[in-house]
C-alpha atoms as a PDB file:
ATOM      1  CA  MET A   1     -20.691  12.696 -10.059  1.00  0.00           C
ATOM      2  CA  ARG A   2     -20.149   8.996 -10.681  1.00  0.00           C
ATOM      3  CA  LEU A   3     -18.668   7.665  -7.459  1.00  0.00           C
ATOM      4  CA  LEU A   4     -16.993   4.307  -6.923  1.00  0.00           C
ATOM      5  CA  ILE A   5     -16.437   3.106  -3.365  1.00  0.00           C
ATOM      6  CA  VAL A   6     -13.228   1.058  -3.330  1.00  0.00           C
ATOM      7  CA  ILE A   7     -13.032  -1.362  -0.405  1.00  0.00           C
ATOM      8  CA  PRO A   8      -9.545  -2.869   0.039  1.00  0.00           C
ATOM      9  CA  ALA A   9      -9.937  -6.073   2.031  1.00  0.00           C
ATOM     10  CA  TYR A  10      -7.287  -8.358   3.494  1.00  0.00           C
ATOM     11  CA  ASN A  11      -8.547 -11.107   5.800  1.00  0.00           C
ATOM     12  CA  GLU A  12     -11.811  -9.285   6.512  1.00  0.00           C
ATOM     13  CA  ALA A  13     -14.089 -12.358   6.524  1.00  0.00           C
ATOM     14  CA  ALA A  14     -15.491 -11.326   9.911  1.00  0.00           C
ATOM     15  CA  ASN A  15     -16.461  -7.843   8.678  1.00  0.00           C
ATOM     16  CA  ILE A  16     -16.950  -7.704   4.914  1.00  0.00           C
ATOM     17  CA  LYS A  17     -20.557  -8.916   4.768  1.00  0.00           C
ATOM     18  CA  ARG A  18     -21.710  -6.367   7.326  1.00  0.00           C
ATOM     19  CA  VAL A  19     -19.889  -3.564   5.521  1.00  0.00           C
ATOM     20  CA  VAL A  20     -21.073  -4.366   1.993  1.00  0.00           C
ATOM     21  CA  ASP A  21     -24.637  -5.268   2.970  1.00  0.00           C
ATOM     22  CA  ASN A  22     -24.972  -1.867   4.650  1.00  0.00           C
ATOM     23  CA  LEU A  23     -23.885  -0.149   1.427  1.00  0.00           C
ATOM     24  CA  ILE A  24     -26.235  -2.241  -0.721  1.00  0.00           C
ATOM     25  CA  GLU A  25     -29.246  -1.844   1.552  1.00  0.00           C
ATOM     26  CA  ASN A  26     -28.877   1.803   2.573  1.00  0.00           C
ATOM     27  CA  PHE A  27     -26.600   3.514   0.043  1.00  0.00           C
ATOM     28  CA  SER A  28     -27.398   1.819  -3.249  1.00  0.00           C
ATOM     29  CA  GLN A  29     -27.013   5.123  -5.132  1.00  0.00           C
ATOM     30  CA  TYR A  30     -23.241   4.571  -4.948  1.00  0.00           C
ATOM     31  CA  ASP A  31     -21.306   1.910  -6.832  1.00  0.00           C
ATOM     32  CA  TYR A  32     -18.780  -0.173  -4.925  1.00  0.00           C
ATOM     33  CA  ILE A  33     -16.112  -2.783  -5.517  1.00  0.00           C
ATOM     34  CA  VAL A  34     -14.348  -5.017  -3.007  1.00  0.00           C
ATOM     35  CA  VAL A  35     -10.658  -5.498  -3.790  1.00  0.00           C
ATOM     36  CA  ASN A  36      -9.682  -8.759  -2.146  1.00  0.00           C
ATOM     37  CA  ASP A  37      -5.955  -8.390  -1.531  1.00  0.00           C
ATOM     38  CA  GLY A  38      -4.949 -12.049  -1.637  1.00  0.00           C
ATOM     39  CA  SER A  39      -6.721 -12.826   1.636  1.00  0.00           C
ATOM     40  CA  LYS A  40      -5.896 -16.106   3.359  1.00  0.00           C
ATOM     41  CA  ASP A  41      -9.323 -16.366   4.965  1.00  0.00           C
ATOM     42  CA  ASP A  42     -12.825 -16.578   3.430  1.00  0.00           C
ATOM     43  CA  THR A  43     -13.092 -12.939   2.344  1.00  0.00           C
ATOM     44  CA  ALA A  44     -13.226 -13.777  -1.380  1.00  0.00           C
ATOM     45  CA  ALA A  45     -15.538 -16.767  -0.853  1.00  0.00           C
ATOM     46  CA  ILE A  46     -18.010 -14.609   1.083  1.00  0.00           C
ATOM     47  CA  CYS A  47     -17.982 -12.005  -1.682  1.00  0.00           C
ATOM     48  CA  ARG A  48     -18.629 -14.623  -4.372  1.00  0.00           C
ATOM     49  CA  LYS A  49     -21.361 -16.320  -2.350  1.00  0.00           C
ATOM     50  CA  ASN A  50     -23.204 -13.007  -1.983  1.00  0.00           C
ATOM     51  CA  ASN A  51     -22.533 -11.876  -5.573  1.00  0.00           C
ATOM     52  CA  TYR A  52     -20.673  -8.765  -4.455  1.00  0.00           C
ATOM     53  CA  ASN A  53     -18.752  -6.698  -6.991  1.00  0.00           C
ATOM     54  CA  LEU A  54     -15.264  -8.118  -6.606  1.00  0.00           C
ATOM     55  CA  LEU A  55     -11.725  -7.636  -7.855  1.00  0.00           C
ATOM     56  CA  ASP A  56      -9.894 -10.731  -6.638  1.00  0.00           C
ATOM     57  CA  LEU A  57      -6.120 -10.258  -6.527  1.00  0.00           C
ATOM     58  CA  SER A  58      -4.262 -13.560  -6.606  1.00  0.00           C
ATOM     59  CA  ASN A  59      -1.415 -12.268  -4.424  1.00  0.00           C
ATOM     60  CA  ASN A  60      -1.236  -9.968  -1.445  1.00  0.00           C
ATOM     61  CA  LEU A  61      -0.049  -6.611  -2.825  1.00  0.00           C
ATOM     62  CA  GLY A  62      -0.639  -4.583   0.310  1.00  0.00           C
ATOM     63  CA  LEU A  63      -2.882  -1.556   0.707  1.00  0.00           C
ATOM     64  CA  THR A  64      -1.075   0.366  -2.025  1.00  0.00           C
ATOM     65  CA  GLY A  65      -1.573  -2.356  -4.627  1.00  0.00           C
ATOM     66  CA  ALA A  66      -5.202  -2.923  -3.648  1.00  0.00           C
ATOM     67  CA  VAL A  67      -6.099   0.766  -3.834  1.00  0.00           C
ATOM     68  CA  GLN A  68      -4.269   1.199  -7.135  1.00  0.00           C
ATOM     69  CA  ALA A  69      -6.179  -1.766  -8.587  1.00  0.00           C
ATOM     70  CA  GLY A  70      -9.425  -0.080  -7.557  1.00  0.00           C
ATOM     71  CA  MET A  71      -8.253   3.233  -8.993  1.00  0.00           C
ATOM     72  CA  ARG A  72      -7.375   1.649 -12.316  1.00  0.00           C
ATOM     73  CA  TYR A  73     -10.802  -0.012 -12.446  1.00  0.00           C
ATOM     74  CA  ALA A  74     -12.418   3.365 -11.750  1.00  0.00           C
ATOM     75  CA  TYR A  75     -10.317   5.091 -14.401  1.00  0.00           C
ATOM     76  CA  GLN A  76     -11.094   2.489 -17.042  1.00  0.00           C
ATOM     77  CA  ASN A  77     -14.809   2.707 -16.255  1.00  0.00           C
ATOM     78  CA  ASN A  78     -14.930   6.519 -16.297  1.00  0.00           C
ATOM     79  CA  TYR A  79     -15.781   7.217 -12.673  1.00  0.00           C
ATOM     80  CA  ASP A  80     -15.458  10.826 -11.519  1.00  0.00           C
ATOM     81  CA  ALA A  81     -14.477  10.029  -7.938  1.00  0.00           C
ATOM     82  CA  VAL A  82     -13.194   7.169  -5.790  1.00  0.00           C
ATOM     83  CA  LEU A  83     -13.822   6.793  -2.076  1.00  0.00           C
ATOM     84  CA  GLN A  84     -11.268   4.693  -0.207  1.00  0.00           C
ATOM     85  CA  PHE A  85     -13.391   2.817   2.319  1.00  0.00           C
ATOM     86  CA  ASP A  86     -12.127   0.357   4.934  1.00  0.00           C
ATOM     87  CA  GLY A  87     -13.424  -3.201   4.911  1.00  0.00           C
ATOM     88  CA  ASP A  88     -13.295  -3.462   8.706  1.00  0.00           C
ATOM     89  CA  GLY A  89     -16.421  -1.399   9.377  1.00  0.00           C
ATOM     90  CA  GLN A  90     -14.749   1.664  10.878  1.00  0.00           C
ATOM     91  CA  HIS A  91     -15.934   4.067   8.181  1.00  0.00           C
ATOM     92  CA  ARG A  92     -19.535   5.301   8.153  1.00  0.00           C
ATOM     93  CA  PRO A  93     -21.137   5.677   4.705  1.00  0.00           C
ATOM     94  CA  GLU A  94     -23.625   8.271   5.957  1.00  0.00           C
ATOM     95  CA  TYR A  95     -20.817  10.839   5.599  1.00  0.00           C
ATOM     96  CA  ILE A  96     -20.318  10.200   1.881  1.00  0.00           C
ATOM     97  CA  LYS A  97     -22.712  12.958   0.855  1.00  0.00           C
ATOM     98  CA  GLU A  98     -20.793  15.526   2.914  1.00  0.00           C
ATOM     99  CA  LEU A  99     -17.478  14.337   1.512  1.00  0.00           C
ATOM    100  CA  LEU A 100     -18.777  14.772  -2.030  1.00  0.00           C
ATOM    101  CA  ARG A 101     -19.960  18.330  -1.435  1.00  0.00           C
ATOM    102  CA  PRO A 102     -16.550  20.144  -1.670  1.00  0.00           C
ATOM    103  CA  MET A 103     -15.686  18.154  -4.763  1.00  0.00           C
ATOM    104  CA  GLU A 104     -18.980  18.869  -6.504  1.00  0.00           C
ATOM    105  CA  GLU A 105     -19.189  22.529  -5.513  1.00  0.00           C
ATOM    106  CA  ASN A 106     -15.531  23.620  -5.566  1.00  0.00           C
ATOM    107  CA  ASN A 107     -13.820  20.967  -7.697  1.00  0.00           C
ATOM    108  CA  VAL A 108     -11.561  19.927  -4.802  1.00  0.00           C
ATOM    109  CA  ASP A 109      -9.188  17.092  -5.765  1.00  0.00           C
ATOM    110  CA  ILE A 110      -9.003  15.254  -2.420  1.00  0.00           C
ATOM    111  CA  VAL A 111     -11.473  15.311   0.466  1.00  0.00           C
ATOM    112  CA  ILE A 112     -10.392  13.673   3.719  1.00  0.00           C
ATOM    113  CA  GLY A 113     -12.878  12.273   6.199  1.00  0.00           C
ATOM    114  CA  SER A 114     -11.308  13.818   9.280  1.00  0.00           C
ATOM    115  CA  ARG A 115     -11.881  12.963  12.913  1.00  0.00           C
ATOM    116  CA  PHE A 116     -10.451  16.294  14.059  1.00  0.00           C
ATOM    117  CA  VAL A 117     -11.997  19.186  12.152  1.00  0.00           C
ATOM    118  CA  SER A 118     -14.162  20.159  15.106  1.00  0.00           C
ATOM    119  CA  GLU A 119     -13.098  17.509  17.638  1.00  0.00           C
ATOM    120  CA  LYS A 120      -9.920  17.567  19.712  1.00  0.00           C
ATOM    121  CA  LYS A 121      -7.249  14.929  19.265  1.00  0.00           C
ATOM    122  CA  PRO A 122      -6.724  12.537  22.179  1.00  0.00           C
ATOM    123  CA  LYS A 123      -3.335  12.688  23.871  1.00  0.00           C
ATOM    124  CA  THR A 124      -1.909   9.366  22.724  1.00  0.00           C
ATOM    125  CA  LEU A 125       1.339   8.215  21.121  1.00  0.00           C
ATOM    126  CA  ARG A 126      -0.541   7.618  17.881  1.00  0.00           C
ATOM    127  CA  MET A 127      -1.823  11.197  17.865  1.00  0.00           C
ATOM    128  CA  LEU A 128       1.682  12.420  18.635  1.00  0.00           C
ATOM    129  CA  GLY A 129       2.748  10.764  15.394  1.00  0.00           C
ATOM    130  CA  ASN A 130      -0.247  12.273  13.610  1.00  0.00           C
ATOM    131  CA  ASN A 131       0.748  15.727  14.835  1.00  0.00           C
ATOM    132  CA  LEU A 132       4.352  15.222  13.734  1.00  0.00           C
ATOM    133  CA  ILE A 133       3.286  14.211  10.222  1.00  0.00           C
ATOM    134  CA  ALA A 134       0.853  17.144  10.077  1.00  0.00           C
ATOM    135  CA  GLY A 135       3.622  19.519  11.103  1.00  0.00           C
ATOM    136  CA  LEU A 136       5.984  18.220   8.427  1.00  0.00           C
ATOM    137  CA  ILE A 137       3.310  18.477   5.727  1.00  0.00           C
ATOM    138  CA  LYS A 138       2.658  22.058   6.851  1.00  0.00           C
ATOM    139  CA  LEU A 139       6.397  22.791   6.781  1.00  0.00           C
ATOM    140  CA  THR A 140       6.900  21.387   3.274  1.00  0.00           C
ATOM    141  CA  THR A 141       3.625  22.409   1.588  1.00  0.00           C
ATOM    142  CA  GLY A 142       2.106  25.228   3.643  1.00  0.00           C
ATOM    143  CA  LYS A 143      -1.083  23.180   4.088  1.00  0.00           C
ATOM    144  CA  TYR A 144      -2.120  21.999   7.555  1.00  0.00           C
ATOM    145  CA  ILE A 145      -4.029  18.719   7.609  1.00  0.00           C
ATOM    146  CA  LYS A 146      -5.569  17.824  10.947  1.00  0.00           C
ATOM    147  CA  ASP A 147      -6.125  14.114  10.335  1.00  0.00           C
ATOM    148  CA  THR A 148      -3.193  12.937   8.251  1.00  0.00           C
ATOM    149  CA  THR A 149      -3.695   9.222   8.917  1.00  0.00           C
ATOM    150  CA  SER A 150      -7.391   8.990   8.083  1.00  0.00           C
ATOM    151  CA  GLY A 151      -8.022   6.183   5.606  1.00  0.00           C
ATOM    152  CA  MET A 152     -11.352   7.614   4.503  1.00  0.00           C
ATOM    153  CA  ARG A 153     -10.339   9.688   1.505  1.00  0.00           C
ATOM    154  CA  LEU A 154     -12.261  10.825  -1.554  1.00  0.00           C
ATOM    155  CA  TYR A 155     -10.217  11.278  -4.721  1.00  0.00           C
ATOM    156  CA  GLY A 156     -11.254  13.201  -7.830  1.00  0.00           C
ATOM    157  CA  ARG A 157     -10.631  12.356 -11.461  1.00  0.00           C
ATOM    158  CA  ARG A 158      -7.174  13.955 -11.686  1.00  0.00           C
ATOM    159  CA  VAL A 159      -5.953  11.916  -8.709  1.00  0.00           C
ATOM    160  CA  ILE A 160      -7.565   8.735 -10.043  1.00  0.00           C
ATOM    161  CA  GLU A 161      -5.582   9.164 -13.248  1.00  0.00           C
ATOM    162  CA  GLU A 162      -2.316   9.657 -11.340  1.00  0.00           C
ATOM    163  CA  PHE A 163      -2.885   6.566  -9.189  1.00  0.00           C
ATOM    164  CA  SER A 164      -3.865   4.389 -12.132  1.00  0.00           C
ATOM    165  CA  ARG A 165      -0.976   5.371 -14.406  1.00  0.00           C
ATOM    166  CA  ASN A 166       1.953   5.486 -11.960  1.00  0.00           C
ATOM    167  CA  ILE A 167       3.353   2.909  -9.551  1.00  0.00           C
ATOM    168  CA  ASN A 168       4.669   5.251  -6.848  1.00  0.00           C
ATOM    169  CA  TYR A 169       1.324   6.364  -5.433  1.00  0.00           C
ATOM    170  CA  ALA A 170       0.509   4.932  -2.024  1.00  0.00           C
ATOM    171  CA  PRO A 171      -2.691   6.023  -0.241  1.00  0.00           C
ATOM    172  CA  GLU A 172      -0.620   7.541   2.546  1.00  0.00           C
ATOM    173  CA  PRO A 173       0.172  11.016   3.979  1.00  0.00           C
ATOM    174  CA  ASP A 174       3.415  11.370   2.015  1.00  0.00           C
ATOM    175  CA  THR A 175       1.506  10.992  -1.243  1.00  0.00           C
ATOM    176  CA  ILE A 176      -0.997  13.601  -0.084  1.00  0.00           C
ATOM    177  CA  SER A 177       1.968  15.889   0.624  1.00  0.00           C
ATOM    178  CA  TYR A 178       3.365  15.276  -2.854  1.00  0.00           C
ATOM    179  CA  LEU A 179       0.015  15.877  -4.534  1.00  0.00           C
ATOM    180  CA  ILE A 180      -0.407  19.188  -2.686  1.00  0.00           C
ATOM    181  CA  LYS A 181       3.015  20.267  -3.978  1.00  0.00           C
ATOM    182  CA  SER A 182       1.889  19.233  -7.442  1.00  0.00           C
ATOM    183  CA  GLY A 183      -1.095  21.577  -7.337  1.00  0.00           C
ATOM    184  CA  MET A 184      -3.849  19.313  -6.051  1.00  0.00           C
ATOM    185  CA  THR A 185      -6.345  20.816  -3.596  1.00  0.00           C
ATOM    186  CA  VAL A 186      -7.303  19.165  -0.302  1.00  0.00           C
ATOM    187  CA  GLU A 187     -10.120  19.746   2.169  1.00  0.00           C
ATOM    188  CA  GLU A 188     -11.219  17.956   5.341  1.00  0.00           C
ATOM    189  CA  VAL A 189     -14.759  17.121   6.428  1.00  0.00           C
ATOM    190  CA  GLN A 190     -15.636  16.131   9.979  1.00  0.00           C
ATOM    191  CA  VAL A 191     -16.638  12.472  10.351  1.00  0.00           C
ATOM    192  CA  VAL A 192     -17.020   9.944  13.132  1.00  0.00           C
ATOM    193  CA  MET A 193     -15.318   6.571  12.864  1.00  0.00           C
ATOM    194  CA  ASP A 194     -16.179   3.368  14.679  1.00  0.00           C
ATOM    195  CA  GLU A 195     -13.839   0.953  16.405  1.00  0.00           C
ATOM    196  CA  ARG A 196     -13.015  -2.313  14.684  1.00  0.00           C
ATOM    197  CA  ILE A 197     -15.481  -4.980  15.878  1.00  0.00           C
ATOM    198  CA  ALA A 198     -13.719  -8.110  14.628  1.00  0.00           C
ATOM    199  CA  GLY A 199     -10.420  -9.145  13.091  1.00  0.00           C
ATOM    200  CA  GLU A 200      -7.037  -7.552  13.650  1.00  0.00           C
ATOM    201  CA  SER A 201      -5.431  -4.401  12.312  1.00  0.00           C
ATOM    202  CA  TYR A 202      -2.163  -4.897  10.455  1.00  0.00           C
ATOM    203  CA  LEU A 203      -0.663  -2.001  12.463  1.00  0.00           C
ATOM    204  CA  ASN A 204       0.682  -3.163  15.824  1.00  0.00           C
ATOM    205  CA  PHE A 205       2.828  -0.896  18.014  1.00  0.00           C
ATOM    206  CA  THR A 206       6.113  -1.755  16.307  1.00  0.00           C
ATOM    207  CA  LYS A 207       4.662  -1.371  12.813  1.00  0.00           C
ATOM    208  CA  SER A 208       3.005   1.914  13.826  1.00  0.00           C
ATOM    209  CA  VAL A 209       6.335   3.392  14.966  1.00  0.00           C
ATOM    210  CA  LYS A 210       8.044   2.214  11.784  1.00  0.00           C
ATOM    211  CA  TYR A 211       5.186   3.646   9.711  1.00  0.00           C
ATOM    212  CA  MET A 212       5.506   7.074  11.338  1.00  0.00           C
ATOM    213  CA  ILE A 213       9.287   7.175  10.844  1.00  0.00           C
ATOM    214  CA  LEU A 214       9.029   6.193   7.179  1.00  0.00           C
ATOM    215  CA  GLN A 215       6.271   8.726   6.520  1.00  0.00           C
ATOM    216  CA  CYS A 216       8.229  11.555   8.118  1.00  0.00           C
ATOM    217  CA  PHE A 217      11.388  10.676   6.177  1.00  0.00           C
ATOM    218  CA  SER A 218       9.435  10.436   2.930  1.00  0.00           C
ATOM    219  CA  ILE A 219       7.652  13.758   3.411  1.00  0.00           C
ATOM    220  CA  VAL A 220      10.846  15.683   4.193  1.00  0.00           C
ATOM    221  CA  PHE A 221      13.312  14.039   1.822  1.00  0.00           C
ATOM    222  CA  ILE A 222      11.935  11.590  -0.768  1.00  0.00           C
ATOM    223  CA  GLN A 223       9.068  13.769  -2.031  1.00  0.00           C
ATOM    224  CA  ALA A 224      11.517  16.520  -3.008  1.00  0.00           C
ATOM    225  CA  PHE A 225      12.932  14.268  -5.733  1.00  0.00           C
ATOM    226  CA  ARG A 226       9.696  12.942  -7.193  1.00  0.00           C
ATOM    227  CA  ARG A 227       8.511  13.826 -10.669  1.00  0.00           C
ATOM    228  CA  ARG A 228       6.008  16.657 -10.675  1.00  0.00           C
ATOM    229  CA  VAL A 229       2.550  16.193 -12.166  1.00  0.00           C
ATOM    230  CA  LYS A 230       2.272  18.028 -15.486  1.00  0.00           C
END
């Protein structure tokens, strides 16, 4: 399979070189592209200086816009799969081979790099939200996903096409819920993720609570009125 690693990056100047250099030096069998999402820091300058593969968005479109730009690039260049890969260094590329396996062997549409296939969830407010989203996805689709908020997701060709041709596809749990209803298959593979070393996450406590509420509302109500994939 032709795999493209899509790395959305917003203000990741402190991390992007470490992340991309690791891919180039140790996982050169996979193609990658950094999608600079209108960063205000030196993210784009670092990418240009090091001749990284770069899609440089002039404005900040958010994670959804950055991932969709990467998906459209993948679709136009005939990639079979896209791996959403964080630019902050939390995702480990050594798990890519295991993520690809269900897609190559069983034609699975989406493979999630999950922290909780064989590991227990910590008892935190964030995991409470994760459990709530997982319960609502189970209620509305019949599919239980253990790590609904993982950002390490592998998408197959059918999903790439959907993301690249439609505007209402965010790389979030509610979209996964919708795609399951539309006939897409999902599997989880156990991975380990690292803590962010530098920079700041865009999700503070207030934004995290708002995110969970919006996701739950979308899964239960909004997804019921979306157009089904033909």
